């Protein structure tokens, strides 16, 4: 991508955004669980009846994957992203069900230029995945490394 839209300089502490509009598809949710998280509450309505919630719910890891999809669609693939050094925290706060409509509320928590690699900076985000009722179903906090737009001048 010759000129990504988003670089380190485009993120400042306190910046917020709301984006995404993804409807959770039951078949995709179950297929993910069959492959990666085959616990009964994620596999079928019948199997889920004896679980803690008594109903089919999405794997938390599926919800995390949906967050990644919405971040990619909104800004990540059109950025100078150099990856992430890791996730600081993930909290699954409420169940996600087939048919839920999910959006993301993001906040830039911190941004700092790298001292050891002046061509990049590190931006820390808090991402809330929110359902159609305004309930935060998942919160993830992590940093992303970005190339600097002015890297050639550093």
Protein backbone atom coordinates (compact mmCIF):
# COMPACT_ATOMS: atom_id res chain seq x y z
CA UNK A 1 0.00 0.00 0.00
CA UNK A 2 1.85 3.12 -1.18
CA UNK A 3 0.32 5.76 1.09
CA UNK A 4 -1.58 4.34 4.05
CA UNK A 5 -4.20 6.67 5.46
CA UNK A 6 -3.25 6.14 9.12
CA UNK A 7 0.20 6.48 10.66
CA UNK A 8 1.51 6.98 14.19
CA UNK A 9 0.90 10.73 14.01
CA UNK A 10 -2.84 10.20 13.47
CA UNK A 11 -3.45 8.83 16.97
CA UNK A 12 -3.47 11.06 20.05
CA UNK A 13 -4.38 10.16 23.63
CA UNK A 14 -8.07 10.76 24.20
CA UNK A 15 -9.07 10.17 20.57
CA UNK A 16 -12.25 8.10 20.34
CA UNK A 17 -14.09 6.44 17.48
CA UNK A 18 -17.16 4.30 16.94
CA UNK A 19 -17.36 1.92 14.00
CA UNK A 20 -18.37 -1.48 12.78
CA UNK A 21 -21.80 -2.90 12.27
CA UNK A 22 -21.45 -6.62 12.27
CA UNK A 23 -24.30 -9.08 12.79
CA UNK A 24 -23.22 -12.33 14.45
CA UNK A 25 -24.05 -15.22 12.14
CA UNK A 26 -25.06 -18.41 13.95
CA UNK A 27 -23.48 -20.79 11.45
CA UNK A 28 -20.17 -18.90 11.39
CA UNK A 29 -20.19 -18.73 15.20
CA UNK A 30 -20.71 -22.51 15.52
CA UNK A 31 -18.17 -23.31 12.78
CA UNK A 32 -15.55 -21.30 14.66
CA UNK A 33 -16.37 -23.16 17.86
CA UNK A 34 -16.20 -26.55 16.14
CA UNK A 35 -12.72 -25.72 14.90
CA UNK A 36 -11.21 -23.76 17.80
CA UNK A 37 -13.33 -23.83 20.98
CA UNK A 38 -15.54 -26.94 21.05
CA UNK A 39 -17.15 -26.35 24.42
CA UNK A 40 -20.83 -27.40 24.59
CA UNK A 41 -22.22 -23.86 25.05
CA UNK A 42 -20.67 -22.86 21.71
CA UNK A 43 -21.63 -25.88 19.60
CA UNK A 44 -25.43 -26.21 19.53
CA UNK A 45 -28.58 -25.11 21.29
CA UNK A 46 -29.11 -28.66 22.55
CA UNK A 47 -25.58 -29.04 23.92
CA UNK A 48 -25.76 -25.56 25.48
CA UNK A 49 -28.92 -26.32 27.50
CA UNK A 50 -26.87 -27.94 30.26
CA UNK A 51 -24.28 -25.14 30.35
CA UNK A 52 -24.09 -22.30 32.86
CA UNK A 53 -26.20 -19.95 30.70
CA UNK A 54 -28.39 -22.66 29.23
CA UNK A 55 -28.20 -21.26 25.72
CA UNK A 56 -25.94 -21.11 22.68
CA UNK A 57 -23.34 -18.35 22.98
CA UNK A 58 -20.28 -17.34 20.97
CA UNK A 59 -16.79 -18.27 22.04
CA UNK A 60 -14.97 -15.30 23.53
CA UNK A 61 -12.21 -15.98 21.03
CA UNK A 62 -14.73 -15.63 18.21
CA UNK A 63 -15.73 -12.26 19.63
CA UNK A 64 -12.05 -11.27 19.70
CA UNK A 65 -11.75 -12.34 16.05
CA UNK A 66 -14.78 -10.20 15.17
CA UNK A 67 -13.10 -7.22 16.87
CA UNK A 68 -10.03 -7.82 14.71
CA UNK A 69 -12.23 -7.94 11.60
CA UNK A 70 -13.92 -4.63 12.47
CA UNK A 71 -10.55 -3.00 13.23
CA UNK A 72 -9.16 -4.22 9.89
CA UNK A 73 -12.23 -2.99 8.01
CA UNK A 74 -12.15 0.44 9.68
CA UNK A 75 -8.46 1.37 9.81
CA UNK A 76 -5.86 -1.32 10.42
CA UNK A 77 -5.25 -2.51 6.84
CA UNK A 78 -5.05 1.12 5.68
CA UNK A 79 -2.33 1.99 8.17
CA UNK A 80 1.40 1.75 8.73
CA UNK A 81 0.78 -0.96 11.35
CA UNK A 82 3.88 -2.95 12.20
CA UNK A 83 2.01 -5.43 14.39
CA UNK A 84 1.38 -5.58 18.10
CA UNK A 85 3.72 -6.43 20.96
CA UNK A 86 0.81 -8.18 22.68
CA UNK A 87 -2.53 -7.81 24.39
CA UNK A 88 -2.55 -6.31 27.88
CA UNK A 89 -6.02 -7.56 28.80
CA UNK A 90 -9.16 -9.17 27.43
CA UNK A 91 -12.41 -9.19 29.39
CA UNK A 92 -15.49 -11.06 28.24
CA UNK A 93 -18.18 -9.13 30.08
CA UNK A 94 -21.43 -10.44 28.61
CA UNK A 95 -22.45 -13.29 26.32
CA UNK A 96 -22.63 -12.81 22.56
CA UNK A 97 -25.50 -14.54 20.80
CA UNK A 98 -26.36 -15.30 17.21
CA UNK A 99 -28.11 -12.27 15.71
CA UNK A 100 -26.38 -9.73 17.95
CA UNK A 101 -25.29 -6.56 16.18
CA UNK A 102 -21.81 -5.55 17.30
CA UNK A 103 -19.94 -2.28 17.05
CA UNK A 104 -16.63 -1.01 18.45
CA UNK A 105 -15.88 1.98 20.64
CA UNK A 106 -12.17 2.65 20.66
CA UNK A 107 -10.08 5.06 22.68
CA UNK A 108 -6.42 5.93 22.32
CA UNK A 109 -5.04 5.51 25.83
CA UNK A 110 -1.43 6.50 25.10
CA UNK A 111 0.91 7.21 22.19
CA UNK A 112 4.67 7.45 22.31
CA UNK A 113 7.45 7.60 19.79
CA UNK A 114 9.94 4.77 20.11
CA UNK A 115 13.31 5.82 21.51
CA UNK A 116 15.16 2.82 20.10
CA UNK A 117 13.41 2.84 16.71
CA UNK A 118 12.66 6.45 15.72
CA UNK A 119 10.87 5.34 12.53
CA UNK A 120 7.98 3.99 14.62
CA UNK A 121 5.67 4.76 17.50
CA UNK A 122 3.49 2.73 19.83
CA UNK A 123 -0.20 3.47 20.36
CA UNK A 124 -2.17 1.88 23.20
CA UNK A 125 -5.89 1.34 22.61
CA UNK A 126 -8.89 0.30 24.67
CA UNK A 127 -11.49 -1.42 22.49
CA UNK A 128 -15.04 -2.01 23.72
CA UNK A 129 -17.19 -4.37 21.67
CA UNK A 130 -20.79 -3.27 22.20
CA UNK A 131 -24.03 -5.06 21.32
CA UNK A 132 -27.26 -3.59 19.98
CA UNK A 133 -28.48 -2.91 23.53
CA UNK A 134 -25.43 -0.81 24.41
CA UNK A 135 -23.93 -3.58 26.56
CA UNK A 136 -20.14 -3.91 26.47
CA UNK A 137 -19.68 -7.60 25.71
CA UNK A 138 -15.87 -7.51 25.51
CA UNK A 139 -13.04 -5.13 26.33
CA UNK A 140 -9.55 -5.50 24.95
CA UNK A 141 -6.56 -3.31 25.76
CA UNK A 142 -3.47 -3.54 23.61
CA UNK A 143 -0.75 -1.62 21.84
CA UNK A 144 -0.10 -1.38 18.11
CA UNK A 145 3.22 -0.35 16.58
CA UNK A 146 2.92 2.11 13.69
CA UNK A 147 5.38 3.50 11.23
CA UNK A 148 5.83 7.27 11.43
CA UNK A 149 4.83 9.37 8.48
CA UNK A 150 7.91 11.54 8.97
CA UNK A 151 10.27 8.57 9.42
CA UNK A 152 12.53 9.76 6.62
CA UNK A 153 13.10 13.07 8.42
CA UNK A 154 14.03 11.45 11.76
